[in-house]
PDB file of all heavy atoms in Angstrom:
ATOM      1  N   VAL A   1     -23.397 -53.465 -42.101  1.00  0.00           N
ATOM      2  CA  VAL A   1     -23.995 -53.520 -40.757  1.00  0.00           C
ATOM      3  C   VAL A   1     -25.318 -54.279 -40.749  1.00  0.00           C
ATOM      4  O   VAL A   1     -25.507 -55.203 -39.938  1.00  0.00           O
ATOM      5  CB  VAL A   1     -24.164 -52.104 -40.167  1.00  0.00           C
ATOM      6  CG1 VAL A   1     -24.927 -52.158 -38.849  1.00  0.00           C
ATOM      7  CG2 VAL A   1     -22.800 -51.454 -39.953  1.00  0.00           C
ATOM      8  N   PRO A   2     -26.279 -53.955 -41.639  1.00  0.00           N
ATOM      9  CA  PRO A   2     -27.536 -54.719 -41.631  1.00  0.00           C
ATOM     10  C   PRO A   2     -27.334 -56.201 -41.926  1.00  0.00           C
ATOM     11  O   PRO A   2     -28.016 -57.047 -41.344  1.00  0.00           O
ATOM     12  CB  PRO A   2     -28.362 -54.043 -42.729  1.00  0.00           C
ATOM     13  CG  PRO A   2     -27.791 -52.677 -42.876  1.00  0.00           C
ATOM     14  CD  PRO A   2     -26.330 -52.833 -42.596  1.00  0.00           C
ATOM     15  N   ALA A   3     -26.386 -56.518 -42.828  1.00  0.00           N
ATOM     16  CA  ALA A   3     -26.176 -57.924 -43.186  1.00  0.00           C
ATOM     17  C   ALA A   3     -25.530 -58.709 -42.052  1.00  0.00           C
ATOM     18  O   ALA A   3     -25.782 -59.904 -41.888  1.00  0.00           O
ATOM     19  CB  ALA A   3     -25.307 -58.011 -44.441  1.00  0.00           C
ATOM     20  N   ALA A   4     -24.686 -58.026 -41.258  1.00  0.00           N
ATOM     21  CA  ALA A   4     -23.996 -58.718 -40.162  1.00  0.00           C
ATOM     22  C   ALA A   4     -24.849 -58.831 -38.907  1.00  0.00           C
ATOM     23  O   ALA A   4     -24.603 -59.696 -38.058  1.00  0.00           O
ATOM     24  CB  ALA A   4     -22.690 -57.990 -39.831  1.00  0.00           C
ATOM     25  N   THR A   5     -25.847 -57.962 -38.787  1.00  0.00           N
ATOM     26  CA  THR A   5     -26.643 -57.886 -37.555  1.00  0.00           C
ATOM     27  C   THR A   5     -27.283 -59.209 -37.130  1.00  0.00           C
ATOM     28  O   THR A   5     -27.267 -59.544 -35.941  1.00  0.00           O
ATOM     29  CB  THR A   5     -27.713 -56.791 -37.697  1.00  0.00           C
ATOM     30  OG1 THR A   5     -27.059 -55.531 -37.842  1.00  0.00           O
ATOM     31  CG2 THR A   5     -28.631 -56.752 -36.497  1.00  0.00           C
ATOM     32  N   PRO A   6     -27.877 -60.009 -38.042  1.00  0.00           N
ATOM     33  CA  PRO A   6     -28.570 -61.229 -37.598  1.00  0.00           C
ATOM     34  C   PRO A   6     -27.701 -62.213 -36.832  1.00  0.00           C
ATOM     35  O   PRO A   6     -28.214 -63.028 -36.077  1.00  0.00           O
ATOM     36  CB  PRO A   6     -29.068 -61.840 -38.922  1.00  0.00           C
ATOM     37  CG  PRO A   6     -29.215 -60.680 -39.847  1.00  0.00           C
ATOM     38  CD  PRO A   6     -28.094 -59.760 -39.483  1.00  0.00           C
ATOM     39  N   VAL A   7     -26.376 -62.144 -37.016  1.00  0.00           N
ATOM     40  CA  VAL A   7     -25.522 -63.087 -36.308  1.00  0.00           C
ATOM     41  C   VAL A   7     -25.627 -62.910 -34.795  1.00  0.00           C
ATOM     42  O   VAL A   7     -25.412 -63.863 -34.026  1.00  0.00           O
ATOM     43  CB  VAL A   7     -24.051 -62.925 -36.774  1.00  0.00           C
ATOM     44  CG1 VAL A   7     -23.405 -61.681 -36.179  1.00  0.00           C
ATOM     45  CG2 VAL A   7     -23.237 -64.161 -36.406  1.00  0.00           C
ATOM     46  N   LEU A   8     -26.002 -61.705 -34.364  1.00  0.00           N
ATOM     47  CA  LEU A   8     -26.077 -61.434 -32.921  1.00  0.00           C
ATOM     48  C   LEU A   8     -27.194 -62.231 -32.255  1.00  0.00           C
ATOM     49  O   LEU A   8     -27.046 -62.668 -31.110  1.00  0.00           O
ATOM     50  CB  LEU A   8     -26.276 -59.930 -32.686  1.00  0.00           C
ATOM     51  CG  LEU A   8     -25.123 -59.045 -33.174  1.00  0.00           C
ATOM     52  CD1 LEU A   8     -25.476 -57.573 -33.033  1.00  0.00           C
ATOM     53  CD2 LEU A   8     -23.843 -59.366 -32.394  1.00  0.00           C
ATOM     54  N   LEU A   9     -28.313 -62.418 -32.954  1.00  0.00           N
ATOM     55  CA  LEU A   9     -29.379 -63.256 -32.397  1.00  0.00           C
ATOM     56  C   LEU A   9     -28.887 -64.681 -32.211  1.00  0.00           C
ATOM     57  O   LEU A   9     -29.134 -65.306 -31.168  1.00  0.00           O
ATOM     58  CB  LEU A   9     -30.603 -63.243 -33.308  1.00  0.00           C
ATOM     59  CG  LEU A   9     -31.723 -64.225 -32.927  1.00  0.00           C
ATOM     60  CD1 LEU A   9     -32.339 -63.839 -31.595  1.00  0.00           C
ATOM     61  CD2 LEU A   9     -32.793 -64.281 -34.017  1.00  0.00           C
ATOM     62  N   ASN A  10     -28.175 -65.194 -33.217  1.00  0.00           N
ATOM     63  CA  ASN A  10     -27.670 -66.566 -33.117  1.00  0.00           C
ATOM     64  C   ASN A  10     -26.668 -66.716 -31.982  1.00  0.00           C
ATOM     65  O   ASN A  10     -26.684 -67.710 -31.252  1.00  0.00           O
ATOM     66  CB  ASN A  10     -27.030 -66.967 -34.452  1.00  0.00           C
ATOM     67  CG  ASN A  10     -28.051 -67.039 -35.575  1.00  0.00           C
ATOM     68  OD1 ASN A  10     -29.168 -67.480 -35.371  1.00  0.00           O
ATOM     69  ND2 ASN A  10     -27.664 -66.592 -36.753  1.00  0.00           N
ATOM     70  N   ILE A  11     -25.797 -65.719 -31.825  1.00  0.00           N
ATOM     71  CA  ILE A  11     -24.824 -65.777 -30.735  1.00  0.00           C
ATOM     72  C   ILE A  11     -25.527 -65.766 -29.381  1.00  0.00           C
ATOM     73  O   ILE A  11     -25.174 -66.520 -28.457  1.00  0.00           O
ATOM     74  CB  ILE A  11     -23.835 -64.595 -30.844  1.00  0.00           C
ATOM     75  CG1 ILE A  11     -22.938 -64.786 -32.071  1.00  0.00           C
ATOM     76  CG2 ILE A  11     -22.992 -64.468 -29.576  1.00  0.00           C
ATOM     77  CD1 ILE A  11     -22.054 -63.604 -32.364  1.00  0.00           C
ATOM     78  N   ALA A  12     -26.549 -64.914 -29.250  1.00  0.00           N
ATOM     79  CA  ALA A  12     -27.291 -64.829 -27.989  1.00  0.00           C
ATOM     80  C   ALA A  12     -27.996 -66.148 -27.671  1.00  0.00           C
ATOM     81  O   ALA A  12     -28.002 -66.604 -26.517  1.00  0.00           O
ATOM     82  CB  ALA A  12     -28.302 -63.678 -28.052  1.00  0.00           C
ATOM     83  N   MET A  13     -28.557 -66.804 -28.699  1.00  0.00           N
ATOM     84  CA  MET A  13     -29.265 -68.058 -28.463  1.00  0.00           C
ATOM     85  C   MET A  13     -28.290 -69.200 -28.190  1.00  0.00           C
ATOM     86  O   MET A  13     -28.600 -70.128 -27.432  1.00  0.00           O
ATOM     87  CB  MET A  13     -30.176 -68.362 -29.653  1.00  0.00           C
ATOM     88  CG  MET A  13     -31.316 -67.344 -29.794  1.00  0.00           C
ATOM     89  SD  MET A  13     -32.462 -67.696 -31.136  1.00  0.00           S
ATOM     90  CE  MET A  13     -33.304 -69.158 -30.493  1.00  0.00           C
ATOM     91  N   ILE A  14     -27.112 -69.152 -28.816  1.00  0.00           N
ATOM     92  CA  ILE A  14     -26.080 -70.144 -28.495  1.00  0.00           C
ATOM     93  C   ILE A  14     -25.678 -70.012 -27.027  1.00  0.00           C
ATOM     94  O   ILE A  14     -25.566 -71.002 -26.297  1.00  0.00           O
ATOM     95  CB  ILE A  14     -24.860 -69.953 -29.418  1.00  0.00           C
ATOM     96  CG1 ILE A  14     -25.202 -70.393 -30.844  1.00  0.00           C
ATOM     97  CG2 ILE A  14     -23.658 -70.743 -28.896  1.00  0.00           C
ATOM     98  CD1 ILE A  14     -24.144 -70.026 -31.875  1.00  0.00           C
ATOM     99  N   ALA A  15     -25.468 -68.777 -26.602  1.00  0.00           N
ATOM    100  CA  ALA A  15     -25.091 -68.545 -25.206  1.00  0.00           C
ATOM    101  C   ALA A  15     -26.175 -69.049 -24.253  1.00  0.00           C
ATOM    102  O   ALA A  15     -25.874 -69.640 -23.206  1.00  0.00           O
ATOM    103  CB  ALA A  15     -24.838 -67.052 -24.984  1.00  0.00           C
ATOM    104  N   ALA A  16     -27.432 -68.824 -24.635  1.00  0.00           N
ATOM    105  CA  ALA A  16     -28.532 -69.287 -23.786  1.00  0.00           C
ATOM    106  C   ALA A  16     -28.552 -70.808 -23.685  1.00  0.00           C
ATOM    107  O   ALA A  16     -28.809 -71.374 -22.614  1.00  0.00           O
ATOM    108  CB  ALA A  16     -29.860 -68.772 -24.336  1.00  0.00           C
ATOM    109  N   THR A  17     -28.274 -71.482 -24.803  1.00  0.00           N
ATOM    110  CA  THR A  17     -28.263 -72.946 -24.799  1.00  0.00           C
ATOM    111  C   THR A  17     -27.113 -73.489 -23.964  1.00  0.00           C
ATOM    112  O   THR A  17     -27.275 -74.440 -23.189  1.00  0.00           O
ATOM    113  CB  THR A  17     -28.163 -73.477 -26.248  1.00  0.00           C
ATOM    114  OG1 THR A  17     -29.256 -72.981 -27.022  1.00  0.00           O
ATOM    115  CG2 THR A  17     -28.184 -75.000 -26.262  1.00  0.00           C
ATOM    116  N   VAL A  18     -25.937 -72.872 -24.105  1.00  0.00           N
ATOM    117  CA  VAL A  18     -24.743 -73.379 -23.434  1.00  0.00           C
ATOM    118  C   VAL A  18     -24.757 -73.087 -21.938  1.00  0.00           C
ATOM    119  O   VAL A  18     -24.429 -73.954 -21.116  1.00  0.00           O
ATOM    120  CB  VAL A  18     -23.474 -72.786 -24.085  1.00  0.00           C
ATOM    121  CG1 VAL A  18     -22.228 -73.153 -23.276  1.00  0.00           C
ATOM    122  CG2 VAL A  18     -23.347 -73.280 -25.526  1.00  0.00           C
ATOM    123  N   TRP A  19     -25.147 -71.855 -21.553  1.00  0.00           N
ATOM    124  CA  TRP A  19     -25.016 -71.450 -20.155  1.00  0.00           C
ATOM    125  C   TRP A  19     -26.350 -71.387 -19.395  1.00  0.00           C
ATOM    126  O   TRP A  19     -26.418 -71.805 -18.251  1.00  0.00           O
ATOM    127  CB  TRP A  19     -24.321 -70.086 -20.075  1.00  0.00           C
ATOM    128  CG  TRP A  19     -22.861 -70.188 -20.390  1.00  0.00           C
ATOM    129  CD1 TRP A  19     -21.904 -70.868 -19.689  1.00  0.00           C
ATOM    130  CD2 TRP A  19     -22.195 -69.630 -21.516  1.00  0.00           C
ATOM    131  NE1 TRP A  19     -20.678 -70.752 -20.296  1.00  0.00           N
ATOM    132  CE2 TRP A  19     -20.817 -69.988 -21.427  1.00  0.00           C
ATOM    133  CE3 TRP A  19     -22.602 -68.836 -22.589  1.00  0.00           C
ATOM    134  CZ2 TRP A  19     -19.883 -69.595 -22.376  1.00  0.00           C
ATOM    135  CZ3 TRP A  19     -21.659 -68.442 -23.538  1.00  0.00           C
ATOM    136  CH2 TRP A  19     -20.318 -68.827 -23.418  1.00  0.00           C
ATOM    137  N   ALA A  20     -27.392 -70.866 -20.049  1.00  0.00           N
ATOM    138  CA  ALA A  20     -28.654 -70.705 -19.317  1.00  0.00           C
ATOM    139  C   ALA A  20     -29.400 -72.029 -19.158  1.00  0.00           C
ATOM    140  O   ALA A  20     -30.022 -72.275 -18.124  1.00  0.00           O
ATOM    141  CB  ALA A  20     -29.541 -69.674 -20.021  1.00  0.00           C
ATOM    142  N   THR A  21     -29.323 -72.900 -20.182  1.00  0.00           N
ATOM    143  CA  THR A  21     -30.066 -74.160 -20.108  1.00  0.00           C
ATOM    144  C   THR A  21     -29.651 -75.021 -18.906  1.00  0.00           C
ATOM    145  O   THR A  21     -30.518 -75.496 -18.158  1.00  0.00           O
ATOM    146  CB  THR A  21     -29.899 -74.954 -21.420  1.00  0.00           C
ATOM    147  OG1 THR A  21     -30.433 -74.184 -22.493  1.00  0.00           O
ATOM    148  CG2 THR A  21     -30.640 -76.288 -21.341  1.00  0.00           C
ATOM    149  N   PRO A  22     -28.350 -75.260 -18.663  1.00  0.00           N
ATOM    150  CA  PRO A  22     -27.983 -76.047 -17.477  1.00  0.00           C
ATOM    151  C   PRO A  22     -28.439 -75.389 -16.174  1.00  0.00           C
ATOM    152  O   PRO A  22     -28.816 -76.094 -15.222  1.00  0.00           O
ATOM    153  CB  PRO A  22     -26.448 -76.109 -17.559  1.00  0.00           C
ATOM    154  CG  PRO A  22     -26.120 -75.872 -18.997  1.00  0.00           C
ATOM    155  CD  PRO A  22     -27.170 -74.917 -19.488  1.00  0.00           C
ATOM    156  N   TRP A  23     -28.390 -74.053 -16.121  1.00  0.00           N
ATOM    157  CA  TRP A  23     -28.822 -73.364 -14.910  1.00  0.00           C
ATOM    158  C   TRP A  23     -30.313 -73.579 -14.673  1.00  0.00           C
ATOM    159  O   TRP A  23     -30.736 -73.852 -13.537  1.00  0.00           O
ATOM    160  CB  TRP A  23     -28.522 -71.864 -15.032  1.00  0.00           C
ATOM    161  CG  TRP A  23     -28.770 -71.110 -13.752  1.00  0.00           C
ATOM    162  CD1 TRP A  23     -27.890 -70.881 -12.738  1.00  0.00           C
ATOM    163  CD2 TRP A  23     -30.009 -70.480 -13.363  1.00  0.00           C
ATOM    164  NE1 TRP A  23     -28.491 -70.156 -11.737  1.00  0.00           N
ATOM    165  CE2 TRP A  23     -29.793 -69.901 -12.092  1.00  0.00           C
ATOM    166  CE3 TRP A  23     -31.260 -70.358 -13.955  1.00  0.00           C
ATOM    167  CZ2 TRP A  23     -30.793 -69.192 -11.419  1.00  0.00           C
ATOM    168  CZ3 TRP A  23     -32.270 -69.680 -13.293  1.00  0.00           C
ATOM    169  CH2 TRP A  23     -32.020 -69.095 -12.028  1.00  0.00           C
ATOM    170  N   PHE A  24     -31.117 -73.468 -15.748  1.00  0.00           N
ATOM    171  CA  PHE A  24     -32.557 -73.706 -15.618  1.00  0.00           C
ATOM    172  C   PHE A  24     -32.822 -75.143 -15.154  1.00  0.00           C
ATOM    173  O   PHE A  24     -33.654 -75.375 -14.274  1.00  0.00           O
ATOM    174  CB  PHE A  24     -33.252 -73.447 -16.967  1.00  0.00           C
ATOM    175  CG  PHE A  24     -33.626 -72.010 -17.202  1.00  0.00           C
ATOM    176  CD1 PHE A  24     -32.696 -70.984 -17.027  1.00  0.00           C
ATOM    177  CD2 PHE A  24     -34.906 -71.673 -17.607  1.00  0.00           C
ATOM    178  CE1 PHE A  24     -33.031 -69.660 -17.245  1.00  0.00           C
ATOM    179  CE2 PHE A  24     -35.262 -70.352 -17.825  1.00  0.00           C
ATOM    180  CZ  PHE A  24     -34.314 -69.338 -17.644  1.00  0.00           C
ATOM    181  N   ARG A  25     -32.103 -76.075 -15.763  1.00  0.00           N
ATOM    182  CA  ARG A  25     -32.309 -77.488 -15.415  1.00  0.00           C
ATOM    183  C   ARG A  25     -31.948 -77.756 -13.957  1.00  0.00           C
ATOM    184  O   ARG A  25     -32.663 -78.468 -13.248  1.00  0.00           O
ATOM    185  CB  ARG A  25     -31.485 -78.373 -16.353  1.00  0.00           C
ATOM    186  CG  ARG A  25     -31.714 -79.865 -16.148  1.00  0.00           C
ATOM    187  CD  ARG A  25     -30.926 -80.710 -17.145  1.00  0.00           C
ATOM    188  NE  ARG A  25     -31.543 -80.684 -18.473  1.00  0.00           N
ATOM    189  CZ  ARG A  25     -30.970 -80.165 -19.552  1.00  0.00           C
ATOM    190  NH1 ARG A  25     -29.764 -79.616 -19.465  1.00  0.00           N
ATOM    191  NH2 ARG A  25     -31.585 -80.201 -20.711  1.00  0.00           N
ATOM    192  N   SER A  26     -30.844 -77.157 -13.505  1.00  0.00           N
ATOM    193  CA  SER A  26     -30.402 -77.388 -12.128  1.00  0.00           C
ATOM    194  C   SER A  26     -31.343 -76.775 -11.105  1.00  0.00           C
ATOM    195  O   SER A  26     -31.370 -77.202  -9.939  1.00  0.00           O
ATOM    196  CB  SER A  26     -28.991 -76.818 -11.926  1.00  0.00           C
ATOM    197  OG  SER A  26     -29.005 -75.398 -12.027  1.00  0.00           O
ATOM    198  N   HIS A  27     -32.144 -75.784 -11.513  1.00  0.00           N
ATOM    199  CA  HIS A  27     -33.096 -75.144 -10.602  1.00  0.00           C
ATOM    200  C   HIS A  27     -34.522 -75.657 -10.808  1.00  0.00           C
ATOM    201  O   HIS A  27     -35.480 -75.052 -10.325  1.00  0.00           O
ATOM    202  CB  HIS A  27     -33.073 -73.624 -10.780  1.00  0.00           C
ATOM    203  CG  HIS A  27     -31.851 -72.976 -10.178  1.00  0.00           C
ATOM    204  ND1 HIS A  27     -30.609 -73.053 -10.759  1.00  0.00           N
ATOM    205  CD2 HIS A  27     -31.692 -72.255  -9.025  1.00  0.00           C
ATOM    206  CE1 HIS A  27     -29.739 -72.397 -10.015  1.00  0.00           C
ATOM    207  NE2 HIS A  27     -30.356 -71.915  -8.960  1.00  0.00           N
ATOM    208  N   GLY A  28     -34.672 -76.761 -11.527  1.00  0.00           N
ATOM    209  CA  GLY A  28     -35.973 -77.381 -11.697  1.00  0.00           C
ATOM    210  C   GLY A  28     -36.908 -76.627 -12.628  1.00  0.00           C
ATOM    211  O   GLY A  28     -38.121 -76.842 -12.597  1.00  0.00           O
ATOM    212  N   ILE A  29     -36.368 -75.750 -13.480  1.00  0.00           N
ATOM    213  CA  ILE A  29     -37.171 -75.002 -14.449  1.00  0.00           C
ATOM    214  C   ILE A  29     -37.059 -75.703 -15.795  1.00  0.00           C
ATOM    215  O   ILE A  29     -35.981 -76.188 -16.169  1.00  0.00           O
ATOM    216  CB  ILE A  29     -36.684 -73.542 -14.568  1.00  0.00           C
ATOM    217  CG1 ILE A  29     -36.686 -72.874 -13.199  1.00  0.00           C
ATOM    218  CG2 ILE A  29     -37.547 -72.755 -15.541  1.00  0.00           C
ATOM    219  CD1 ILE A  29     -36.018 -71.503 -13.195  1.00  0.00           C
ATOM    220  N   GLU A  30     -38.169 -75.773 -16.545  1.00  0.00           N
ATOM    221  CA  GLU A  30     -38.147 -76.397 -17.862  1.00  0.00           C
ATOM    222  C   GLU A  30     -37.001 -75.807 -18.691  1.00  0.00           C
ATOM    223  O   GLU A  30     -36.957 -74.614 -18.974  1.00  0.00           O
ATOM    224  CB  GLU A  30     -39.488 -76.169 -18.577  1.00  0.00           C
ATOM    225  CG  GLU A  30     -39.521 -76.621 -20.028  1.00  0.00           C
ATOM    226  CD  GLU A  30     -39.150 -78.087 -20.203  1.00  0.00           C
ATOM    227  OE1 GLU A  30     -39.705 -78.938 -19.477  1.00  0.00           O
ATOM    228  OE2 GLU A  30     -38.287 -78.350 -21.055  1.00  0.00           O
ATOM    229  N   PRO A  31     -36.019 -76.634 -19.127  1.00  0.00           N
ATOM    230  CA  PRO A  31     -34.815 -76.105 -19.799  1.00  0.00           C
ATOM    231  C   PRO A  31     -35.097 -75.303 -21.068  1.00  0.00           C
ATOM    232  O   PRO A  31     -34.356 -74.367 -21.384  1.00  0.00           O
ATOM    233  CB  PRO A  31     -34.005 -77.366 -20.110  1.00  0.00           C
ATOM    234  CG  PRO A  31     -34.468 -78.378 -19.121  1.00  0.00           C
ATOM    235  CD  PRO A  31     -35.923 -78.084 -18.896  1.00  0.00           C
ATOM    236  N   ILE A  32     -36.174 -75.661 -21.790  1.00  0.00           N
ATOM    237  CA  ILE A  32     -36.463 -74.982 -23.051  1.00  0.00           C
ATOM    238  C   ILE A  32     -36.725 -73.488 -22.845  1.00  0.00           C
ATOM    239  O   ILE A  32     -36.537 -72.665 -23.742  1.00  0.00           O
ATOM    240  CB  ILE A  32     -37.672 -75.653 -23.759  1.00  0.00           C
ATOM    241  CG1 ILE A  32     -37.693 -75.309 -25.257  1.00  0.00           C
ATOM    242  CG2 ILE A  32     -38.977 -75.249 -23.118  1.00  0.00           C
ATOM    243  CD1 ILE A  32     -36.691 -76.052 -26.062  1.00  0.00           C
ATOM    244  N   TYR A  33     -37.123 -73.119 -21.604  1.00  0.00           N
ATOM    245  CA  TYR A  33     -37.413 -71.698 -21.323  1.00  0.00           C
ATOM    246  C   TYR A  33     -36.165 -70.819 -21.386  1.00  0.00           C
ATOM    247  O   TYR A  33     -36.265 -69.588 -21.483  1.00  0.00           O
ATOM    248  CB  TYR A  33     -38.055 -71.558 -19.945  1.00  0.00           C
ATOM    249  CG  TYR A  33     -39.477 -72.070 -19.852  1.00  0.00           C
ATOM    250  CD1 TYR A  33     -40.057 -72.351 -18.613  1.00  0.00           C
ATOM    251  CD2 TYR A  33     -40.239 -72.284 -20.991  1.00  0.00           C
ATOM    252  CE1 TYR A  33     -41.357 -72.827 -18.516  1.00  0.00           C
ATOM    253  CE2 TYR A  33     -41.542 -72.761 -20.905  1.00  0.00           C
ATOM    254  CZ  TYR A  33     -42.100 -73.035 -19.666  1.00  0.00           C
ATOM    255  OH  TYR A  33     -43.379 -73.499 -19.571  1.00  0.00           O
ATOM    256  N   ALA A  34     -34.975 -71.431 -21.356  1.00  0.00           N
ATOM    257  CA  ALA A  34     -33.747 -70.648 -21.465  1.00  0.00           C
ATOM    258  C   ALA A  34     -33.672 -69.915 -22.794  1.00  0.00           C
ATOM    259  O   ALA A  34     -33.003 -68.875 -22.908  1.00  0.00           O
ATOM    260  CB  ALA A  34     -32.526 -71.560 -21.300  1.00  0.00           C
ATOM    261  N   GLN A  35     -34.364 -70.442 -23.810  1.00  0.00           N
ATOM    262  CA  GLN A  35     -34.331 -69.801 -25.129  1.00  0.00           C
ATOM    263  C   GLN A  35     -34.985 -68.418 -25.113  1.00  0.00           C
ATOM    264  O   GLN A  35     -34.697 -67.575 -25.978  1.00  0.00           O
ATOM    265  CB  GLN A  35     -35.023 -70.695 -26.153  1.00  0.00           C
ATOM    266  CG  GLN A  35     -34.334 -72.030 -26.376  1.00  0.00           C
ATOM    267  CD  GLN A  35     -32.897 -71.881 -26.822  1.00  0.00           C
ATOM    268  OE1 GLN A  35     -32.599 -71.205 -27.802  1.00  0.00           O
ATOM    269  NE2 GLN A  35     -31.979 -72.499 -26.082  1.00  0.00           N
ATOM    270  N   ILE A  36     -35.857 -68.168 -24.150  1.00  0.00           N
ATOM    271  CA  ILE A  36     -36.480 -66.838 -24.035  1.00  0.00           C
ATOM    272  C   ILE A  36     -35.401 -65.780 -23.838  1.00  0.00           C
ATOM    273  O   ILE A  36     -35.434 -64.705 -24.461  1.00  0.00           O
ATOM    274  CB  ILE A  36     -37.474 -66.812 -22.856  1.00  0.00           C
ATOM    275  CG1 ILE A  36     -38.625 -67.796 -23.098  1.00  0.00           C
ATOM    276  CG2 ILE A  36     -38.007 -65.397 -22.632  1.00  0.00           C
ATOM    277  CD1 ILE A  36     -39.524 -67.981 -21.889  1.00  0.00           C
ATOM    278  N   ILE A  37     -34.435 -66.089 -22.972  1.00  0.00           N
ATOM    279  CA  ILE A  37     -33.349 -65.143 -22.704  1.00  0.00           C
ATOM    280  C   ILE A  37     -32.559 -64.874 -23.979  1.00  0.00           C
ATOM    281  O   ILE A  37     -32.226 -63.720 -24.305  1.00  0.00           O
ATOM    282  CB  ILE A  37     -32.423 -65.695 -21.595  1.00  0.00           C
ATOM    283  CG1 ILE A  37     -33.192 -65.836 -20.281  1.00  0.00           C
ATOM    284  CG2 ILE A  37     -31.199 -64.801 -21.430  1.00  0.00           C
ATOM    285  CD1 ILE A  37     -32.400 -66.504 -19.187  1.00  0.00           C
ATOM    286  N   GLY A  38     -32.244 -65.930 -24.728  1.00  0.00           N
ATOM    287  CA  GLY A  38     -31.485 -65.770 -25.955  1.00  0.00           C
ATOM    288  C   GLY A  38     -32.189 -64.907 -26.977  1.00  0.00           C
ATOM    289  O   GLY A  38     -31.584 -64.034 -27.609  1.00  0.00           O
ATOM    290  N   VAL A  39     -33.488 -65.124 -27.160  1.00  0.00           N
ATOM    291  CA  VAL A  39     -34.257 -64.365 -28.153  1.00  0.00           C
ATOM    292  C   VAL A  39     -34.325 -62.884 -27.786  1.00  0.00           C
ATOM    293  O   VAL A  39     -34.063 -62.001 -28.618  1.00  0.00           O
ATOM    294  CB  VAL A  39     -35.675 -64.961 -28.308  1.00  0.00           C
ATOM    295  CG1 VAL A  39     -36.563 -64.040 -29.154  1.00  0.00           C
ATOM    296  CG2 VAL A  39     -35.599 -66.347 -28.939  1.00  0.00           C
ATOM    297  N   MET A  40     -34.662 -62.587 -26.549  1.00  0.00           N
ATOM    298  CA  MET A  40     -34.813 -61.189 -26.145  1.00  0.00           C
ATOM    299  C   MET A  40     -33.472 -60.456 -26.142  1.00  0.00           C
ATOM    300  O   MET A  40     -33.384 -59.292 -26.576  1.00  0.00           O
ATOM    301  CB  MET A  40     -35.468 -61.110 -24.768  1.00  0.00           C
ATOM    302  CG  MET A  40     -36.894 -61.654 -24.746  1.00  0.00           C
ATOM    303  SD  MET A  40     -37.975 -60.845 -25.955  1.00  0.00           S
ATOM    304  CE  MET A  40     -38.009 -59.181 -25.298  1.00  0.00           C
ATOM    305  N   LEU A  41     -32.427 -61.123 -25.661  1.00  0.00           N
ATOM    306  CA  LEU A  41     -31.101 -60.504 -25.686  1.00  0.00           C
ATOM    307  C   LEU A  41     -30.656 -60.266 -27.129  1.00  0.00           C
ATOM    308  O   LEU A  41     -30.074 -59.215 -27.446  1.00  0.00           O
ATOM    309  CB  LEU A  41     -30.099 -61.397 -24.962  1.00  0.00           C
ATOM    310  CG  LEU A  41     -28.635 -60.911 -24.952  1.00  0.00           C
ATOM    311  CD1 LEU A  41     -28.532 -59.549 -24.262  1.00  0.00           C
ATOM    312  CD2 LEU A  41     -27.734 -61.940 -24.284  1.00  0.00           C
ATOM    313  N   GLY A  42     -30.938 -61.220 -28.007  1.00  0.00           N
ATOM    314  CA  GLY A  42     -30.591 -61.067 -29.414  1.00  0.00           C
ATOM    315  C   GLY A  42     -31.273 -59.875 -30.050  1.00  0.00           C
ATOM    316  O   GLY A  42     -30.669 -59.129 -30.831  1.00  0.00           O
ATOM    317  N   GLY A  43     -32.548 -59.657 -29.729  1.00  0.00           N
ATOM    318  CA  GLY A  43     -33.262 -58.506 -30.262  1.00  0.00           C
ATOM    319  C   GLY A  43     -32.643 -57.189 -29.823  1.00  0.00           C
ATOM    320  O   GLY A  43     -32.477 -56.249 -30.622  1.00  0.00           O
ATOM    321  N   LEU A  44     -32.289 -57.111 -28.548  1.00  0.00           N
ATOM    322  CA  LEU A  44     -31.657 -55.886 -28.022  1.00  0.00           C
ATOM    323  C   LEU A  44     -30.303 -55.617 -28.676  1.00  0.00           C
ATOM    324  O   LEU A  44     -29.989 -54.477 -29.045  1.00  0.00           O
ATOM    325  CB  LEU A  44     -31.478 -56.013 -26.508  1.00  0.00           C
ATOM    326  CG  LEU A  44     -32.727 -55.766 -25.646  1.00  0.00           C
ATOM    327  CD1 LEU A  44     -32.450 -56.196 -24.216  1.00  0.00           C
ATOM    328  CD2 LEU A  44     -33.121 -54.289 -25.690  1.00  0.00           C
ATOM    329  N   LEU A  45     -29.507 -56.660 -28.852  1.00  0.00           N
ATOM    330  CA  LEU A  45     -28.193 -56.496 -29.457  1.00  0.00           C
ATOM    331  C   LEU A  45     -28.306 -56.056 -30.919  1.00  0.00           C
ATOM    332  O   LEU A  45     -27.546 -55.178 -31.374  1.00  0.00           O
ATOM    333  CB  LEU A  45     -27.402 -57.809 -29.366  1.00  0.00           C
ATOM    334  CG  LEU A  45     -26.954 -58.239 -27.969  1.00  0.00           C
ATOM    335  CD1 LEU A  45     -26.320 -59.634 -28.015  1.00  0.00           C
ATOM    336  CD2 LEU A  45     -25.964 -57.228 -27.387  1.00  0.00           C
TER     337      LEU A  45
END
């Protein structure tokens, strides 16, 4: 369990890059800020 756990942060950040980044860009928000969602969601998971 501890060894597998870090993959969840990577999955969350991948999701943020794929889905949140275009949404941020389309709403005129700096796209790099989408990574905030990935990091925080990854920590919770």
